[in-house]
Every structure is written in structure tokens, then in C-alpha cells.
PDB file of all heavy atoms in Angstrom:
ATOM      1  N   ALA A   1     -72.723   4.680  53.788  1.00  0.00           N
ATOM      2  CA  ALA A   1     -73.414   5.713  53.035  1.00  0.00           C
ATOM      3  C   ALA A   1     -73.198   5.518  51.529  1.00  0.00           C
ATOM      4  O   ALA A   1     -74.147   5.665  50.736  1.00  0.00           O
ATOM      5  CB  ALA A   1     -72.987   7.089  53.446  1.00  0.00           C
ATOM      6  N   SER A   2     -71.976   5.164  51.192  1.00  0.00           N
ATOM      7  CA  SER A   2     -71.633   4.948  49.774  1.00  0.00           C
ATOM      8  C   SER A   2     -72.435   3.786  49.211  1.00  0.00           C
ATOM      9  O   SER A   2     -72.818   3.782  48.042  1.00  0.00           O
ATOM     10  CB  SER A   2     -70.132   4.635  49.663  1.00  0.00           C
ATOM     11  OG  SER A   2     -69.819   4.309  48.296  1.00  0.00           O
ATOM     12  N   ALA A   3     -72.785   2.779  50.076  1.00  0.00           N
ATOM     13  CA  ALA A   3     -73.579   1.640  49.650  1.00  0.00           C
ATOM     14  C   ALA A   3     -75.074   1.933  49.536  1.00  0.00           C
ATOM     15  O   ALA A   3     -75.807   1.103  49.066  1.00  0.00           O
ATOM     16  CB  ALA A   3     -73.346   0.448  50.677  1.00  0.00           C
ATOM     17  N   GLY A   4     -75.452   3.112  50.014  1.00  0.00           N
ATOM     18  CA  GLY A   4     -76.902   3.520  49.919  1.00  0.00           C
ATOM     19  C   GLY A   4     -77.656   3.152  51.162  1.00  0.00           C
ATOM     20  O   GLY A   4     -78.916   3.209  51.158  1.00  0.00           O
ATOM     21  N   SER A   5     -77.017   2.883  52.247  1.00  0.00           N
ATOM     22  CA  SER A   5     -77.687   2.557  53.556  1.00  0.00           C
ATOM     23  C   SER A   5     -78.356   3.844  54.043  1.00  0.00           C
ATOM     24  O   SER A   5     -77.823   4.980  53.820  1.00  0.00           O
ATOM     25  CB  SER A   5     -76.697   2.074  54.562  1.00  0.00           C
ATOM     26  OG  SER A   5     -76.108   0.825  54.131  1.00  0.00           O
ATOM     27  N   PRO A   6     -79.435   3.742  54.817  1.00  0.00           N
ATOM     28  CA  PRO A   6     -80.070   4.910  55.429  1.00  0.00           C
ATOM     29  C   PRO A   6     -79.185   5.551  56.454  1.00  0.00           C
ATOM     30  O   PRO A   6     -78.327   4.918  57.035  1.00  0.00           O
ATOM     31  CB  PRO A   6     -81.375   4.389  56.021  1.00  0.00           C
ATOM     32  CG  PRO A   6     -81.261   2.893  56.057  1.00  0.00           C
ATOM     33  CD  PRO A   6     -80.194   2.471  55.098  1.00  0.00           C
ATOM     34  N   VAL A   7     -79.389   6.852  56.689  1.00  0.00           N
ATOM     35  CA  VAL A   7     -78.581   7.618  57.603  1.00  0.00           C
ATOM     36  C   VAL A   7     -78.473   6.958  58.966  1.00  0.00           C
ATOM     37  O   VAL A   7     -77.367   6.861  59.560  1.00  0.00           O
ATOM     38  CB  VAL A   7     -79.056   9.074  57.718  1.00  0.00           C
ATOM     39  CG1 VAL A   7     -78.327   9.820  58.842  1.00  0.00           C
ATOM     40  CG2 VAL A   7     -78.879   9.777  56.430  1.00  0.00           C
ATOM     41  N   ASN A   8     -79.586   6.481  59.524  1.00  0.00           N
ATOM     42  CA  ASN A   8     -79.528   5.891  60.810  1.00  0.00           C
ATOM     43  C   ASN A   8     -78.653   4.598  60.853  1.00  0.00           C
ATOM     44  O   ASN A   8     -77.921   4.353  61.800  1.00  0.00           O
ATOM     45  CB  ASN A   8     -80.943   5.535  61.396  1.00  0.00           C
ATOM     46  CG  ASN A   8     -81.651   4.609  60.600  1.00  0.00           C
ATOM     47  OD1 ASN A   8     -81.664   4.637  59.366  1.00  0.00           O
ATOM     48  ND2 ASN A   8     -82.429   3.623  61.214  1.00  0.00           N
ATOM     49  N   ALA A   9     -78.665   3.879  59.789  1.00  0.00           N
ATOM     50  CA  ALA A   9     -77.864   2.644  59.723  1.00  0.00           C
ATOM     51  C   ALA A   9     -76.366   3.025  59.627  1.00  0.00           C
ATOM     52  O   ALA A   9     -75.472   2.417  60.192  1.00  0.00           O
ATOM     53  CB  ALA A   9     -78.233   1.846  58.510  1.00  0.00           C
ATOM     54  N   CYS A  10     -76.087   4.128  58.848  1.00  0.00           N
ATOM     55  CA  CYS A  10     -74.668   4.596  58.726  1.00  0.00           C
ATOM     56  C   CYS A  10     -74.138   5.049  60.060  1.00  0.00           C
ATOM     57  O   CYS A  10     -72.981   4.691  60.386  1.00  0.00           O
ATOM     58  CB  CYS A  10     -74.615   5.765  57.705  1.00  0.00           C
ATOM     59  SG  CYS A  10     -75.139   5.306  56.070  1.00  0.00           S
ATOM     60  N   ILE A  11     -74.937   5.777  60.798  1.00  0.00           N
ATOM     61  CA  ILE A  11     -74.517   6.176  62.133  1.00  0.00           C
ATOM     62  C   ILE A  11     -74.306   5.002  63.072  1.00  0.00           C
ATOM     63  O   ILE A  11     -73.283   4.904  63.781  1.00  0.00           O
ATOM     64  CB  ILE A  11     -75.490   7.203  62.774  1.00  0.00           C
ATOM     65  CG1 ILE A  11     -75.452   8.507  61.945  1.00  0.00           C
ATOM     66  CG2 ILE A  11     -75.200   7.460  64.180  1.00  0.00           C
ATOM     67  CD1 ILE A  11     -76.487   9.514  62.284  1.00  0.00           C
ATOM     68  N   ALA A  12     -75.246   4.047  63.021  1.00  0.00           N
ATOM     69  CA  ALA A  12     -75.114   2.841  63.845  1.00  0.00           C
ATOM     70  C   ALA A  12     -73.884   2.110  63.444  1.00  0.00           C
ATOM     71  O   ALA A  12     -73.164   1.591  64.298  1.00  0.00           O
ATOM     72  CB  ALA A  12     -76.398   1.965  63.675  1.00  0.00           C
ATOM     73  N   GLY A  13     -73.570   1.979  62.135  1.00  0.00           N
ATOM     74  CA  GLY A  13     -72.366   1.272  61.683  1.00  0.00           C
ATOM     75  C   GLY A  13     -71.116   1.980  62.250  1.00  0.00           C
ATOM     76  O   GLY A  13     -70.194   1.275  62.643  1.00  0.00           O
ATOM     77  N   GLY A  14     -71.146   3.287  62.235  1.00  0.00           N
ATOM     78  CA  GLY A  14     -69.998   4.019  62.777  1.00  0.00           C
ATOM     79  C   GLY A  14     -69.822   3.745  64.244  1.00  0.00           C
ATOM     80  O   GLY A  14     -68.685   3.473  64.710  1.00  0.00           O
ATOM     81  N   ILE A  15     -70.902   3.759  64.998  1.00  0.00           N
ATOM     82  CA  ILE A  15     -70.839   3.457  66.423  1.00  0.00           C
ATOM     83  C   ILE A  15     -70.374   2.036  66.671  1.00  0.00           C
ATOM     84  O   ILE A  15     -69.559   1.787  67.602  1.00  0.00           O
ATOM     85  CB  ILE A  15     -72.221   3.747  67.103  1.00  0.00           C
ATOM     86  CG1 ILE A  15     -72.511   5.243  67.099  1.00  0.00           C
ATOM     87  CG2 ILE A  15     -72.291   3.144  68.475  1.00  0.00           C
ATOM     88  CD1 ILE A  15     -73.961   5.573  67.505  1.00  0.00           C
ATOM     89  N   LEU A  16     -70.860   1.115  65.927  1.00  0.00           N
ATOM     90  CA  LEU A  16     -70.439  -0.307  66.099  1.00  0.00           C
ATOM     91  C   LEU A  16     -69.001  -0.528  65.789  1.00  0.00           C
ATOM     92  O   LEU A  16     -68.424  -1.598  66.158  1.00  0.00           O
ATOM     93  CB  LEU A  16     -71.363  -1.226  65.224  1.00  0.00           C
ATOM     94  CG  LEU A  16     -72.819  -1.290  65.753  1.00  0.00           C
ATOM     95  CD1 LEU A  16     -73.669  -2.048  64.750  1.00  0.00           C
ATOM     96  CD2 LEU A  16     -72.900  -1.950  67.106  1.00  0.00           C
ATOM     97  N   ALA A  17     -68.339   0.426  65.078  1.00  0.00           N
ATOM     98  CA  ALA A  17     -66.894   0.245  64.820  1.00  0.00           C
ATOM     99  C   ALA A  17     -66.028   0.546  66.038  1.00  0.00           C
ATOM    100  O   ALA A  17     -64.881   0.304  66.052  1.00  0.00           O
ATOM    101  CB  ALA A  17     -66.520   1.154  63.630  1.00  0.00           C
ATOM    102  N   PHE A  18     -66.605   1.123  67.086  1.00  0.00           N
ATOM    103  CA  PHE A  18     -65.827   1.438  68.275  1.00  0.00           C
ATOM    104  C   PHE A  18     -65.541   0.117  68.973  1.00  0.00           C
ATOM    105  O   PHE A  18     -66.342  -0.795  69.046  1.00  0.00           O
ATOM    106  CB  PHE A  18     -66.658   2.369  69.235  1.00  0.00           C
ATOM    107  CG  PHE A  18     -66.895   3.734  68.719  1.00  0.00           C
ATOM    108  CD1 PHE A  18     -68.157   4.308  68.757  1.00  0.00           C
ATOM    109  CD2 PHE A  18     -65.861   4.464  68.117  1.00  0.00           C
ATOM    110  CE1 PHE A  18     -68.433   5.546  68.257  1.00  0.00           C
ATOM    111  CE2 PHE A  18     -66.079   5.751  67.610  1.00  0.00           C
ATOM    112  CZ  PHE A  18     -67.397   6.295  67.674  1.00  0.00           C
ATOM    113  N   GLY A  19     -64.309   0.054  69.502  1.00  0.00           N
ATOM    114  CA  GLY A  19     -63.897  -1.117  70.189  1.00  0.00           C
ATOM    115  C   GLY A  19     -62.599  -0.827  70.997  1.00  0.00           C
ATOM    116  O   GLY A  19     -62.267   0.316  71.235  1.00  0.00           O
ATOM    117  N   GLU A  20     -61.927  -1.869  71.317  1.00  0.00           N
ATOM    118  CA  GLU A  20     -60.663  -1.728  72.150  1.00  0.00           C
ATOM    119  C   GLU A  20     -59.694  -0.772  71.519  1.00  0.00           C
ATOM    120  O   GLU A  20     -59.046  -0.006  72.192  1.00  0.00           O
ATOM    121  CB  GLU A  20     -60.067  -3.123  72.374  1.00  0.00           C
ATOM    122  CG  GLU A  20     -58.879  -3.070  73.270  1.00  0.00           C
ATOM    123  CD  GLU A  20     -58.348  -4.431  73.564  1.00  0.00           C
ATOM    124  OE1 GLU A  20     -59.107  -5.421  73.545  1.00  0.00           O
ATOM    125  OE2 GLU A  20     -57.136  -4.540  73.819  1.00  0.00           O
ATOM    126  N   ASN A  21     -59.486  -0.884  70.222  1.00  0.00           N
ATOM    127  CA  ASN A  21     -58.424  -0.100  69.499  1.00  0.00           C
ATOM    128  C   ASN A  21     -58.947   1.188  68.968  1.00  0.00           C
ATOM    129  O   ASN A  21     -58.183   1.998  68.469  1.00  0.00           O
ATOM    130  CB  ASN A  21     -57.924  -0.952  68.361  1.00  0.00           C
ATOM    131  CG  ASN A  21     -57.244  -2.188  68.850  1.00  0.00           C
ATOM    132  OD1 ASN A  21     -56.488  -2.189  69.847  1.00  0.00           O
ATOM    133  ND2 ASN A  21     -57.498  -3.301  68.203  1.00  0.00           N
ATOM    134  N   HIS A  22     -60.243   1.474  69.032  1.00  0.00           N
ATOM    135  CA  HIS A  22     -60.788   2.772  68.653  1.00  0.00           C
ATOM    136  C   HIS A  22     -61.905   3.142  69.628  1.00  0.00           C
ATOM    137  O   HIS A  22     -62.916   2.466  69.647  1.00  0.00           O
ATOM    138  CB  HIS A  22     -61.358   2.668  67.194  1.00  0.00           C
ATOM    139  CG  HIS A  22     -62.073   3.868  66.681  1.00  0.00           C
ATOM    140  ND1 HIS A  22     -61.614   5.144  66.955  1.00  0.00           N
ATOM    141  CD2 HIS A  22     -63.191   4.031  65.967  1.00  0.00           C
ATOM    142  CE1 HIS A  22     -62.442   6.043  66.385  1.00  0.00           C
ATOM    143  NE2 HIS A  22     -63.406   5.323  65.789  1.00  0.00           N
ATOM    144  N   ALA A  23     -61.622   4.080  70.427  1.00  0.00           N
ATOM    145  CA  ALA A  23     -62.512   4.621  71.531  1.00  0.00           C
ATOM    146  C   ALA A  23     -62.373   3.858  72.788  1.00  0.00           C
ATOM    147  O   ALA A  23     -62.945   4.212  73.785  1.00  0.00           O
ATOM    148  CB  ALA A  23     -63.947   4.631  71.054  1.00  0.00           C
ATOM    149  N   GLY A  24     -61.563   2.808  72.748  1.00  0.00           N
ATOM    150  CA  GLY A  24     -61.378   2.032  74.039  1.00  0.00           C
ATOM    151  C   GLY A  24     -60.435   2.670  75.050  1.00  0.00           C
ATOM    152  O   GLY A  24     -60.511   2.404  76.217  1.00  0.00           O
ATOM    153  N   ALA A  25     -59.559   3.519  74.528  1.00  0.00           N
ATOM    154  CA  ALA A  25     -58.523   4.113  75.400  1.00  0.00           C
ATOM    155  C   ALA A  25     -59.080   4.946  76.572  1.00  0.00           C
ATOM    156  O   ALA A  25     -58.582   4.912  77.637  1.00  0.00           O
ATOM    157  CB  ALA A  25     -57.548   4.963  74.590  1.00  0.00           C
ATOM    158  N   ILE A  26     -60.250   5.611  76.295  1.00  0.00           N
ATOM    159  CA  ILE A  26     -60.786   6.482  77.373  1.00  0.00           C
ATOM    160  C   ILE A  26     -61.271   5.630  78.537  1.00  0.00           C
ATOM    161  O   ILE A  26     -61.033   5.946  79.697  1.00  0.00           O
ATOM    162  CB  ILE A  26     -61.931   7.364  76.875  1.00  0.00           C
ATOM    163  CG1 ILE A  26     -62.259   8.353  77.972  1.00  0.00           C
ATOM    164  CG2 ILE A  26     -63.148   6.649  76.373  1.00  0.00           C
ATOM    165  CD1 ILE A  26     -62.989   9.587  77.536  1.00  0.00           C
ATOM    166  N   GLU A  27     -61.884   4.475  78.248  1.00  0.00           N
ATOM    167  CA  GLU A  27     -62.334   3.628  79.289  1.00  0.00           C
ATOM    168  C   GLU A  27     -61.132   3.058  80.116  1.00  0.00           C
ATOM    169  O   GLU A  27     -61.134   3.093  81.326  1.00  0.00           O
ATOM    170  CB  GLU A  27     -63.096   2.409  78.696  1.00  0.00           C
ATOM    171  CG  GLU A  27     -63.606   1.383  79.734  1.00  0.00           C
ATOM    172  CD  GLU A  27     -64.389   0.248  79.082  1.00  0.00           C
ATOM    173  OE1 GLU A  27     -64.552   0.209  77.865  1.00  0.00           O
ATOM    174  OE2 GLU A  27     -64.835  -0.631  79.876  1.00  0.00           O
TER     175      GLU A  27
END
């Protein structure tokens, strides 16, 4: 968002940050 990306891209970027060490514990 700071870089000026559109809201949908910012949300997608946040989602793409999920992985084994962040959000993986529930699985």
C-alpha cells in the first residue's frame, strides 16, 4: 500500500505471505 499498489493487490500480497511459518500451524 505504501508503494501505491491497488487495494486488491495489497490484499493478495498479504495472502501470499502466508506459509509454513505464518498461518501454517492451523493446518
